[in-house]
PDB file of N, CA and C in Angstrom:
ATOM      1  N   UNK A   1     -13.092 -10.518   3.195  1.00  0.00           N
ATOM      2  CA  UNK A   1     -13.997  -9.470   3.594  1.00  0.00           C
ATOM      3  C   UNK A   1     -14.093  -9.412   5.119  1.00  0.00           C
ATOM      4  N   UNK A   2     -13.955 -10.545   5.742  1.00  0.00           N
ATOM      5  CA  UNK A   2     -14.048 -10.574   7.200  1.00  0.00           C
ATOM      6  C   UNK A   2     -12.913  -9.791   7.836  1.00  0.00           C
ATOM      7  N   UNK A   3     -11.717  -9.895   7.269  1.00  0.00           N
ATOM      8  CA  UNK A   3     -10.600  -9.137   7.835  1.00  0.00           C
ATOM      9  C   UNK A   3     -10.792  -7.642   7.629  1.00  0.00           C
ATOM     10  N   UNK A   4     -11.428  -7.248   6.545  1.00  0.00           N
ATOM     11  CA  UNK A   4     -11.695  -5.826   6.339  1.00  0.00           C
ATOM     12  C   UNK A   4     -12.644  -5.294   7.402  1.00  0.00           C
ATOM     13  N   UNK A   5     -13.660  -6.083   7.729  1.00  0.00           N
ATOM     14  CA  UNK A   5     -14.603  -5.668   8.772  1.00  0.00           C
ATOM     15  C   UNK A   5     -13.884  -5.549  10.113  1.00  0.00           C
ATOM     16  N   UNK A   6     -12.995  -6.471  10.401  1.00  0.00           N
ATOM     17  CA  UNK A   6     -12.232  -6.405  11.647  1.00  0.00           C
ATOM     18  C   UNK A   6     -11.313  -5.201  11.683  1.00  0.00           C
ATOM     19  N   UNK A   7     -10.680  -4.890  10.551  1.00  0.00           N
ATOM     20  CA  UNK A   7      -9.803  -3.724  10.495  1.00  0.00           C
ATOM     21  C   UNK A   7     -10.565  -2.428  10.668  1.00  0.00           C
ATOM     22  N   UNK A   8     -11.724  -2.355  10.029  1.00  0.00           N
ATOM     23  CA  UNK A   8     -12.550  -1.152  10.159  1.00  0.00           C
ATOM     24  C   UNK A   8     -13.054  -1.021  11.591  1.00  0.00           C
ATOM     25  N   UNK A   9     -13.510  -2.126  12.149  1.00  0.00           N
ATOM     26  CA  UNK A   9     -13.992  -2.099  13.533  1.00  0.00           C
ATOM     27  C   UNK A   9     -12.901  -1.713  14.513  1.00  0.00           C
ATOM     28  N   UNK A  10     -11.698  -2.215  14.278  1.00  0.00           N
ATOM     29  CA  UNK A  10     -10.578  -1.864  15.146  1.00  0.00           C
ATOM     30  C   UNK A  10     -10.233  -0.390  15.053  1.00  0.00           C
ATOM     31  N   UNK A  11     -10.234   0.146  13.845  1.00  0.00           N
ATOM     32  CA  UNK A  11      -9.934   1.567  13.674  1.00  0.00           C
ATOM     33  C   UNK A  11     -10.985   2.448  14.341  1.00  0.00           C
ATOM     34  N   UNK A  12     -12.246   2.074  14.156  1.00  0.00           N
ATOM     35  CA  UNK A  12     -13.324   2.854  14.782  1.00  0.00           C
ATOM     36  C   UNK A  12     -13.225   2.759  16.301  1.00  0.00           C
ATOM     37  N   UNK A  13     -12.993   1.548  16.804  1.00  0.00           N
ATOM     38  CA  UNK A  13     -12.881   1.366  18.250  1.00  0.00           C
ATOM     39  C   UNK A  13     -11.739   2.149  18.850  1.00  0.00           C
ATOM     40  N   UNK A  14     -10.583   2.139  18.179  1.00  0.00           N
ATOM     41  CA  UNK A  14      -9.445   2.892  18.690  1.00  0.00           C
ATOM     42  C   UNK A  14      -9.698   4.399  18.589  1.00  0.00           C
ATOM     43  N   UNK A  15     -10.412   4.821  17.549  1.00  0.00           N
ATOM     44  CA  UNK A  15     -10.754   6.233  17.435  1.00  0.00           C
ATOM     45  C   UNK A  15     -11.678   6.692  18.545  1.00  0.00           C
ATOM     46  N   UNK A  16     -12.682   5.860  18.844  1.00  0.00           N
ATOM     47  CA  UNK A  16     -13.609   6.195  19.932  1.00  0.00           C
ATOM     48  C   UNK A  16     -12.869   6.223  21.265  1.00  0.00           C
ATOM     49  N   UNK A  17     -11.983   5.251  21.474  1.00  0.00           N
ATOM     50  CA  UNK A  17     -11.199   5.228  22.708  1.00  0.00           C
ATOM     51  C   UNK A  17     -10.302   6.457  22.798  1.00  0.00           C
ATOM     52  N   UNK A  18      -9.711   6.855  21.676  1.00  0.00           N
ATOM     53  CA  UNK A  18      -8.844   8.028  21.670  1.00  0.00           C
ATOM     54  C   UNK A  18      -9.601   9.308  21.997  1.00  0.00           C
ATOM     55  N   UNK A  19     -10.842   9.398  21.540  1.00  0.00           N
ATOM     56  CA  UNK A  19     -11.629  10.591  21.855  1.00  0.00           C
ATOM     57  C   UNK A  19     -12.193  10.550  23.267  1.00  0.00           C
ATOM     58  N   UNK A  20     -12.570   9.360  23.739  1.00  0.00           N
ATOM     59  CA  UNK A  20     -13.167   9.252  25.075  1.00  0.00           C
ATOM     60  C   UNK A  20     -12.121   9.413  26.174  1.00  0.00           C
ATOM     61  N   UNK A  21     -10.957   8.812  25.996  1.00  0.00           N
ATOM     62  CA  UNK A  21      -9.917   8.889  27.035  1.00  0.00           C
ATOM     63  C   UNK A  21      -8.792   9.790  26.568  1.00  0.00           C
ATOM     64  N   UNK A  22      -7.840   9.204  25.850  1.00  0.00           N
ATOM     65  CA  UNK A  22      -6.737   9.983  25.288  1.00  0.00           C
ATOM     66  C   UNK A  22      -6.156   9.214  24.104  1.00  0.00           C
ATOM     67  N   UNK A  23      -5.461   9.935  23.262  1.00  0.00           N
ATOM     68  CA  UNK A  23      -4.837   9.292  22.107  1.00  0.00           C
ATOM     69  C   UNK A  23      -3.760   8.313  22.577  1.00  0.00           C
ATOM     70  N   UNK A  24      -3.092   8.648  23.658  1.00  0.00           N
ATOM     71  CA  UNK A  24      -2.046   7.769  24.185  1.00  0.00           C
ATOM     72  C   UNK A  24      -2.623   6.419  24.605  1.00  0.00           C
ATOM     73  N   UNK A  25      -3.789   6.427  25.236  1.00  0.00           N
ATOM     74  CA  UNK A  25      -4.392   5.154  25.640  1.00  0.00           C
ATOM     75  C   UNK A  25      -4.794   4.336  24.419  1.00  0.00           C
ATOM     76  N   UNK A  26      -5.236   4.996  23.348  1.00  0.00           N
ATOM     77  CA  UNK A  26      -5.571   4.273  22.121  1.00  0.00           C
ATOM     78  C   UNK A  26      -4.322   3.647  21.507  1.00  0.00           C
ATOM     79  N   UNK A  27      -3.188   4.363  21.557  1.00  0.00           N
ATOM     80  CA  UNK A  27      -1.938   3.798  21.056  1.00  0.00           C
ATOM     81  C   UNK A  27      -1.519   2.582  21.871  1.00  0.00           C
ATOM     82  N   UNK A  28      -1.668   2.649  23.175  1.00  0.00           N
ATOM     83  CA  UNK A  28      -1.290   1.525  24.038  1.00  0.00           C
ATOM     84  C   UNK A  28      -2.163   0.312  23.742  1.00  0.00           C
ATOM     85  N   UNK A  29      -3.470   0.515  23.622  1.00  0.00           N
ATOM     86  CA  UNK A  29      -4.378  -0.598  23.332  1.00  0.00           C
ATOM     87  C   UNK A  29      -4.072  -1.195  21.960  1.00  0.00           C
ATOM     88  N   UNK A  30      -3.810  -0.329  20.964  1.00  0.00           N
ATOM     89  CA  UNK A  30      -3.448  -0.832  19.638  1.00  0.00           C
ATOM     90  C   UNK A  30      -2.163  -1.634  19.669  1.00  0.00           C
ATOM     91  N   UNK A  31      -1.178  -1.170  20.442  1.00  0.00           N
ATOM     92  CA  UNK A  31       0.074  -1.911  20.576  1.00  0.00           C
ATOM     93  C   UNK A  31      -0.104  -3.244  21.260  1.00  0.00           C
ATOM     94  N   UNK A  32      -0.953  -3.278  22.288  1.00  0.00           N
ATOM     95  CA  UNK A  32      -1.226  -4.546  22.977  1.00  0.00           C
ATOM     96  C   UNK A  32      -1.943  -5.527  22.045  1.00  0.00           C
ATOM     97  N   UNK A  33      -2.860  -5.020  21.226  1.00  0.00           N
ATOM     98  CA  UNK A  33      -3.550  -5.899  20.274  1.00  0.00           C
ATOM     99  C   UNK A  33      -2.576  -6.460  19.249  1.00  0.00           C
ATOM    100  N   UNK A  34      -1.641  -5.632  18.799  1.00  0.00           N
ATOM    101  CA  UNK A  34      -0.632  -6.098  17.854  1.00  0.00           C
ATOM    102  C   UNK A  34       0.280  -7.123  18.516  1.00  0.00           C
ATOM    103  N   UNK A  35       0.688  -6.855  19.746  1.00  0.00           N
ATOM    104  CA  UNK A  35       1.543  -7.804  20.468  1.00  0.00           C
ATOM    105  C   UNK A  35       0.810  -9.116  20.720  1.00  0.00           C
ATOM    106  N   UNK A  36      -0.506  -9.045  20.929  1.00  0.00           N
ATOM    107  CA  UNK A  36      -1.285 -10.260  21.119  1.00  0.00           C
ATOM    108  C   UNK A  36      -1.375 -11.116  19.866  1.00  0.00           C
ATOM    109  N   UNK A  37      -1.197 -10.505  18.695  1.00  0.00           N
ATOM    110  CA  UNK A  37      -1.254 -11.253  17.439  1.00  0.00           C
ATOM    111  C   UNK A  37       0.064 -11.942  17.114  1.00  0.00           C
ATOM    112  N   UNK A  38       1.151 -11.552  17.761  1.00  0.00           N
ATOM    113  CA  UNK A  38       2.457 -12.130  17.448  1.00  0.00           C
ATOM    114  C   UNK A  38       2.542 -13.641  17.683  1.00  0.00           C
ATOM    115  N   UNK A  39       1.992 -14.190  18.779  1.00  0.00           N
ATOM    116  CA  UNK A  39       2.041 -15.652  18.921  1.00  0.00           C
ATOM    117  C   UNK A  39       1.301 -16.384  17.796  1.00  0.00           C
ATOM    118  N   UNK A  40       0.192 -15.822  17.349  1.00  0.00           N
ATOM    119  CA  UNK A  40      -0.540 -16.433  16.241  1.00  0.00           C
ATOM    120  C   UNK A  40       0.299 -16.413  14.967  1.00  0.00           C
ATOM    121  N   UNK A  41       0.951 -15.308  14.695  1.00  0.00           N
ATOM    122  CA  UNK A  41       1.813 -15.236  13.518  1.00  0.00           C
ATOM    123  C   UNK A  41       2.988 -16.213  13.628  1.00  0.00           C
ATOM    124  N   UNK A  42       3.528 -16.381  14.823  1.00  0.00           N
ATOM    125  CA  UNK A  42       4.607 -17.348  15.026  1.00  0.00           C
ATOM    126  C   UNK A  42       4.155 -18.768  14.743  1.00  0.00           C
ATOM    127  N   UNK A  43       2.957 -19.109  15.167  1.00  0.00           N
ATOM    128  CA  UNK A  43       2.420 -20.454  14.877  1.00  0.00           C
ATOM    129  C   UNK A  43       2.211 -20.657  13.393  1.00  0.00           C
ATOM    130  N   UNK A  44       1.744 -19.627  12.713  1.00  0.00           N
ATOM    131  CA  UNK A  44       1.547 -19.746  11.271  1.00  0.00           C
ATOM    132  C   UNK A  44       2.872 -19.935  10.545  1.00  0.00           C
ATOM    133  N   UNK A  45       3.917 -19.264  11.005  1.00  0.00           N
ATOM    134  CA  UNK A  45       5.226 -19.428  10.367  1.00  0.00           C
ATOM    135  C   UNK A  45       5.787 -20.825  10.581  1.00  0.00           C
ATOM    136  N   UNK A  46       5.473 -21.430  11.728  1.00  0.00           N
ATOM    137  CA  UNK A  46       5.970 -22.781  12.000  1.00  0.00           C
ATOM    138  C   UNK A  46       5.307 -23.836  11.137  1.00  0.00           C
ATOM    139  N   UNK A  47       4.180 -23.505  10.515  1.00  0.00           N
ATOM    140  CA  UNK A  47       3.535 -24.471   9.629  1.00  0.00           C
ATOM    141  C   UNK A  47       4.412 -24.798   8.428  1.00  0.00           C
ATOM    142  N   UNK A  48       5.242 -23.838   8.033  1.00  0.00           N
ATOM    143  CA  UNK A  48       6.211 -24.099   6.969  1.00  0.00           C
ATOM    144  C   UNK A  48       5.615 -24.124   5.577  1.00  0.00           C
ATOM    145  N   UNK A  49       4.480 -23.516   5.355  1.00  0.00           N
ATOM    146  CA  UNK A  49       3.888 -23.477   4.021  1.00  0.00           C
ATOM    147  C   UNK A  49       4.686 -22.586   3.088  1.00  0.00           C
ATOM    148  N   UNK A  50       4.525 -22.804   1.799  1.00  0.00           N
ATOM    149  CA  UNK A  50       5.271 -21.965   0.856  1.00  0.00           C
ATOM    150  C   UNK A  50       4.733 -20.528   0.875  1.00  0.00           C
ATOM    151  N   UNK A  51       5.617 -19.601   0.621  1.00  0.00           N
ATOM    152  CA  UNK A  51       5.223 -18.186   0.587  1.00  0.00           C
ATOM    153  C   UNK A  51       4.445 -17.906  -0.688  1.00  0.00           C
ATOM    154  N   UNK A  52       3.561 -16.948  -0.636  1.00  0.00           N
ATOM    155  CA  UNK A  52       2.845 -16.525  -1.829  1.00  0.00           C
ATOM    156  C   UNK A  52       3.805 -15.744  -2.708  1.00  0.00           C
ATOM    157  N   UNK A  53       4.052 -16.239  -3.880  1.00  0.00           N
ATOM    158  CA  UNK A  53       4.963 -15.566  -4.796  1.00  0.00           C
ATOM    159  C   UNK A  53       4.345 -15.560  -6.181  1.00  0.00           C
ATOM    160  N   UNK A  54       4.468 -14.457  -6.851  1.00  0.00           N
ATOM    161  CA  UNK A  54       4.007 -14.356  -8.224  1.00  0.00           C
ATOM    162  C   UNK A  54       5.249 -14.204  -9.073  1.00  0.00           C
ATOM    163  N   UNK A  55       5.510 -15.160  -9.920  1.00  0.00           N
ATOM    164  CA  UNK A  55       6.717 -15.149 -10.720  1.00  0.00           C
ATOM    165  C   UNK A  55       6.355 -14.971 -12.185  1.00  0.00           C
ATOM    166  N   UNK A  56       7.183 -14.260 -12.876  1.00  0.00           N
ATOM    167  CA  UNK A  56       7.001 -14.109 -14.302  1.00  0.00           C
ATOM    168  C   UNK A  56       6.009 -13.038 -14.704  1.00  0.00           C
ATOM    169  N   UNK A  57       5.538 -12.238 -13.774  1.00  0.00           N
ATOM    170  CA  UNK A  57       4.594 -11.182 -14.095  1.00  0.00           C
ATOM    171  C   UNK A  57       5.280  -9.836 -13.929  1.00  0.00           C
ATOM    172  N   UNK A  58       4.837  -8.868 -14.714  1.00  0.00           N
ATOM    173  CA  UNK A  58       5.371  -7.516 -14.603  1.00  0.00           C
ATOM    174  C   UNK A  58       4.252  -6.565 -14.247  1.00  0.00           C
ATOM    175  N   UNK A  59       4.580  -5.551 -13.503  1.00  0.00           N
ATOM    176  CA  UNK A  59       3.589  -4.542 -13.154  1.00  0.00           C
ATOM    177  C   UNK A  59       3.201  -3.767 -14.400  1.00  0.00           C
ATOM    178  N   UNK A  60       1.957  -3.348 -14.452  1.00  0.00           N
ATOM    179  CA  UNK A  60       1.494  -2.529 -15.556  1.00  0.00           C
ATOM    180  C   UNK A  60       0.856  -3.295 -16.688  1.00  0.00           C
ATOM    181  N   UNK A  61       0.944  -4.609 -16.672  1.00  0.00           N
ATOM    182  CA  UNK A  61       0.266  -5.425 -17.680  1.00  0.00           C
ATOM    183  C   UNK A  61      -0.823  -6.202 -16.974  1.00  0.00           C
ATOM    184  N   UNK A  62      -1.742  -6.731 -17.740  1.00  0.00           N
ATOM    185  CA  UNK A  62      -2.815  -7.484 -17.106  1.00  0.00           C
ATOM    186  C   UNK A  62      -2.237  -8.722 -16.440  1.00  0.00           C
ATOM    187  N   UNK A  63      -2.467  -8.850 -15.170  1.00  0.00           N
ATOM    188  CA  UNK A  63      -1.951  -9.976 -14.418  1.00  0.00           C
ATOM    189  C   UNK A  63      -2.166  -9.742 -12.941  1.00  0.00           C
ATOM    190  N   UNK A  64      -1.876 -10.741 -12.131  1.00  0.00           N
ATOM    191  CA  UNK A  64      -2.108 -10.637 -10.693  1.00  0.00           C
ATOM    192  C   UNK A  64      -0.984  -9.927  -9.953  1.00  0.00           C
ATOM    193  N   UNK A  65      -0.437  -8.896 -10.525  1.00  0.00           N
ATOM    194  CA  UNK A  65       0.674  -8.191  -9.906  1.00  0.00           C
ATOM    195  C   UNK A  65       0.166  -6.919  -9.249  1.00  0.00           C
ATOM    196  N   UNK A  66       0.887  -6.423  -8.264  1.00  0.00           N
ATOM    197  CA  UNK A  66       0.436  -5.263  -7.488  1.00  0.00           C
ATOM    198  C   UNK A  66       0.227  -4.029  -8.355  1.00  0.00           C
ATOM    199  N   UNK A  67       1.007  -3.860  -9.383  1.00  0.00           N
ATOM    200  CA  UNK A  67       0.906  -2.650 -10.191  1.00  0.00           C
ATOM    201  C   UNK A  67      -0.100  -2.740 -11.324  1.00  0.00           C
ATOM    202  N   UNK A  68      -0.742  -3.879 -11.509  1.00  0.00           N
ATOM    203  CA  UNK A  68      -1.658  -3.993 -12.638  1.00  0.00           C
ATOM    204  C   UNK A  68      -2.925  -3.206 -12.370  1.00  0.00           C
ATOM    205  N   UNK A  69      -3.454  -2.641 -13.402  1.00  0.00           N
ATOM    206  CA  UNK A  69      -4.685  -1.887 -13.283  1.00  0.00           C
ATOM    207  C   UNK A  69      -4.492  -0.442 -12.901  1.00  0.00           C
ATOM    208  N   UNK A  70      -3.249  -0.006 -12.711  1.00  0.00           N
ATOM    209  CA  UNK A  70      -3.000   1.387 -12.359  1.00  0.00           C
ATOM    210  C   UNK A  70      -2.959   2.188 -13.658  1.00  0.00           C
ATOM    211  N   UNK A  71      -3.771   3.230 -13.791  1.00  0.00           N
ATOM    212  CA  UNK A  71      -3.767   4.001 -15.028  1.00  0.00           C
ATOM    213  C   UNK A  71      -2.467   4.781 -15.191  1.00  0.00           C
ATOM    214  N   UNK A  72      -2.051   5.051 -16.435  1.00  0.00           N
ATOM    215  CA  UNK A  72      -0.781   5.748 -16.656  1.00  0.00           C
ATOM    216  C   UNK A  72      -0.746   7.141 -16.044  1.00  0.00           C
ATOM    217  N   UNK A  73      -1.894   7.780 -15.880  1.00  0.00           N
ATOM    218  CA  UNK A  73      -1.910   9.127 -15.338  1.00  0.00           C
ATOM    219  C   UNK A  73      -1.448   9.153 -13.883  1.00  0.00           C
ATOM    220  N   UNK A  74      -1.484   8.013 -13.209  1.00  0.00           N
ATOM    221  CA  UNK A  74      -1.080   7.974 -11.807  1.00  0.00           C
ATOM    222  C   UNK A  74       0.405   7.727 -11.633  1.00  0.00           C
ATOM    223  N   UNK A  75       1.128   7.492 -12.706  1.00  0.00           N
ATOM    224  CA  UNK A  75       2.550   7.210 -12.563  1.00  0.00           C
ATOM    225  C   UNK A  75       3.349   8.504 -12.512  1.00  0.00           C
ATOM    226  N   UNK A  76       4.553   8.406 -11.990  1.00  0.00           N
ATOM    227  CA  UNK A  76       5.434   9.554 -11.847  1.00  0.00           C
ATOM    228  C   UNK A  76       6.586   9.388 -12.822  1.00  0.00           C
ATOM    229  N   UNK A  77       6.846  10.438 -13.583  1.00  0.00           N
ATOM    230  CA  UNK A  77       7.956  10.408 -14.529  1.00  0.00           C
ATOM    231  C   UNK A  77       9.254  10.587 -13.752  1.00  0.00           C
ATOM    232  N   UNK A  78      10.164   9.634 -13.878  1.00  0.00           N
ATOM    233  CA  UNK A  78      11.401   9.682 -13.103  1.00  0.00           C
ATOM    234  C   UNK A  78      12.552  10.327 -13.856  1.00  0.00           C
ATOM    235  N   UNK A  79      12.437  10.493 -15.156  1.00  0.00           N
ATOM    236  CA  UNK A  79      13.488  11.106 -15.962  1.00  0.00           C
ATOM    237  C   UNK A  79      13.082  12.524 -16.341  1.00  0.00           C
ATOM    238  N   UNK A  80      14.059  13.406 -16.397  1.00  0.00           N
ATOM    239  CA  UNK A  80      13.790  14.784 -16.804  1.00  0.00           C
ATOM    240  C   UNK A  80      13.391  14.782 -18.274  1.00  0.00           C
ATOM    241  N   UNK A  81      12.308  15.455 -18.598  1.00  0.00           N
ATOM    242  CA  UNK A  81      11.919  15.473 -20.009  1.00  0.00           C
ATOM    243  C   UNK A  81      12.933  16.238 -20.839  1.00  0.00           C
ATOM    244  N   UNK A  82      13.138  15.785 -22.050  1.00  0.00           N
ATOM    245  CA  UNK A  82      14.070  16.476 -22.930  1.00  0.00           C
ATOM    246  C   UNK A  82      13.392  17.705 -23.500  1.00  0.00           C
ATOM    247  N   UNK A  83      14.174  18.740 -23.680  1.00  0.00           N
ATOM    248  CA  UNK A  83      13.644  19.985 -24.230  1.00  0.00           C
ATOM    249  C   UNK A  83      13.443  19.809 -25.729  1.00  0.00           C
ATOM    250  N   UNK A  84      12.281  20.177 -26.233  1.00  0.00           N
ATOM    251  CA  UNK A  84      12.085  20.051 -27.678  1.00  0.00           C
ATOM    252  C   UNK A  84      12.937  21.085 -28.414  1.00  0.00           C
ATOM    253  N   UNK A  85      13.455  20.696 -29.545  1.00  0.00           N
ATOM    254  CA  UNK A  85      14.258  21.615 -30.331  1.00  0.00           C
ATOM    255  C   UNK A  85      13.325  22.575 -31.056  1.00  0.00           C
ATOM    256  N   UNK A  86      13.634  23.830 -30.972  1.00  0.00           N
ATOM    257  CA  UNK A  86      12.830  24.840 -31.643  1.00  0.00           C
ATOM    258  C   UNK A  86      13.439  25.084 -33.015  1.00  0.00           C
ATOM    259  N   UNK A  87      12.653  24.875 -34.029  1.00  0.00           N
ATOM    260  CA  UNK A  87      13.138  25.086 -35.392  1.00  0.00           C
ATOM    261  C   UNK A  87      13.048  26.570 -35.718  1.00  0.00           C
ATOM    262  N   UNK A  88      14.037  27.050 -36.414  1.00  0.00           N
ATOM    263  CA  UNK A  88      14.041  28.447 -36.828  1.00  0.00           C
ATOM    264  C   UNK A  88      12.970  28.655 -37.881  1.00  0.00           C
ATOM    265  N   UNK A  89      12.303  29.785 -37.801  1.00  0.00           N
ATOM    266  CA  UNK A  89      11.268  30.096 -38.772  1.00  0.00           C
ATOM    267  C   UNK A  89      11.910  30.351 -40.121  1.00  0.00           C
ATOM    268  N   UNK A  90      11.284  29.869 -41.168  1.00  0.00           N
ATOM    269  CA  UNK A  90      11.887  30.106 -42.483  1.00  0.00           C
ATOM    270  C   UNK A  90      11.895  31.606 -42.817  1.00  0.00           C
ATOM    271  N   UNK A  91      12.988  32.036 -43.372  1.00  0.00           N
ATOM    272  CA  UNK A  91      13.094  33.463 -43.718  1.00  0.00           C
ATOM    273  C   UNK A  91      12.302  33.752 -44.975  1.00  0.00           C
ATOM    274  N   UNK A  92      11.713  34.924 -45.011  1.00  0.00           N
ATOM    275  CA  UNK A  92      10.924  35.318 -46.190  1.00  0.00           C
ATOM    276  C   UNK A  92      11.777  36.298 -47.004  1.00  0.00           C
ATOM    277  N   UNK A  93      12.354  35.802 -47.984  1.00  0.00           N
ATOM    278  CA  UNK A  93      13.216  36.685 -48.784  1.00  0.00           C
ATOM    279  C   UNK A  93      12.579  37.075 -50.083  1.00  0.00           C
TER     280      UNK A  93
END
């Protein structure tokens, strides 16, 4: 939750800076903040801890996977639907 507060605060701060000065200055400040985080990320990588990996789970089923909990209505059909066959009406003789 703390990182969410920092992200929200950063976005608001950059927005205020962009309106007070210019959008370009907000981009520069955001880039400098990102560049300032790179040494910290480098130190974390040198710790050599195992990566977070979720193995054996599939999206769409209950589990700690990124796709879990997404309702079917939000998915996109990737295959063209087949045309239903129209049956001929029975003749009345």
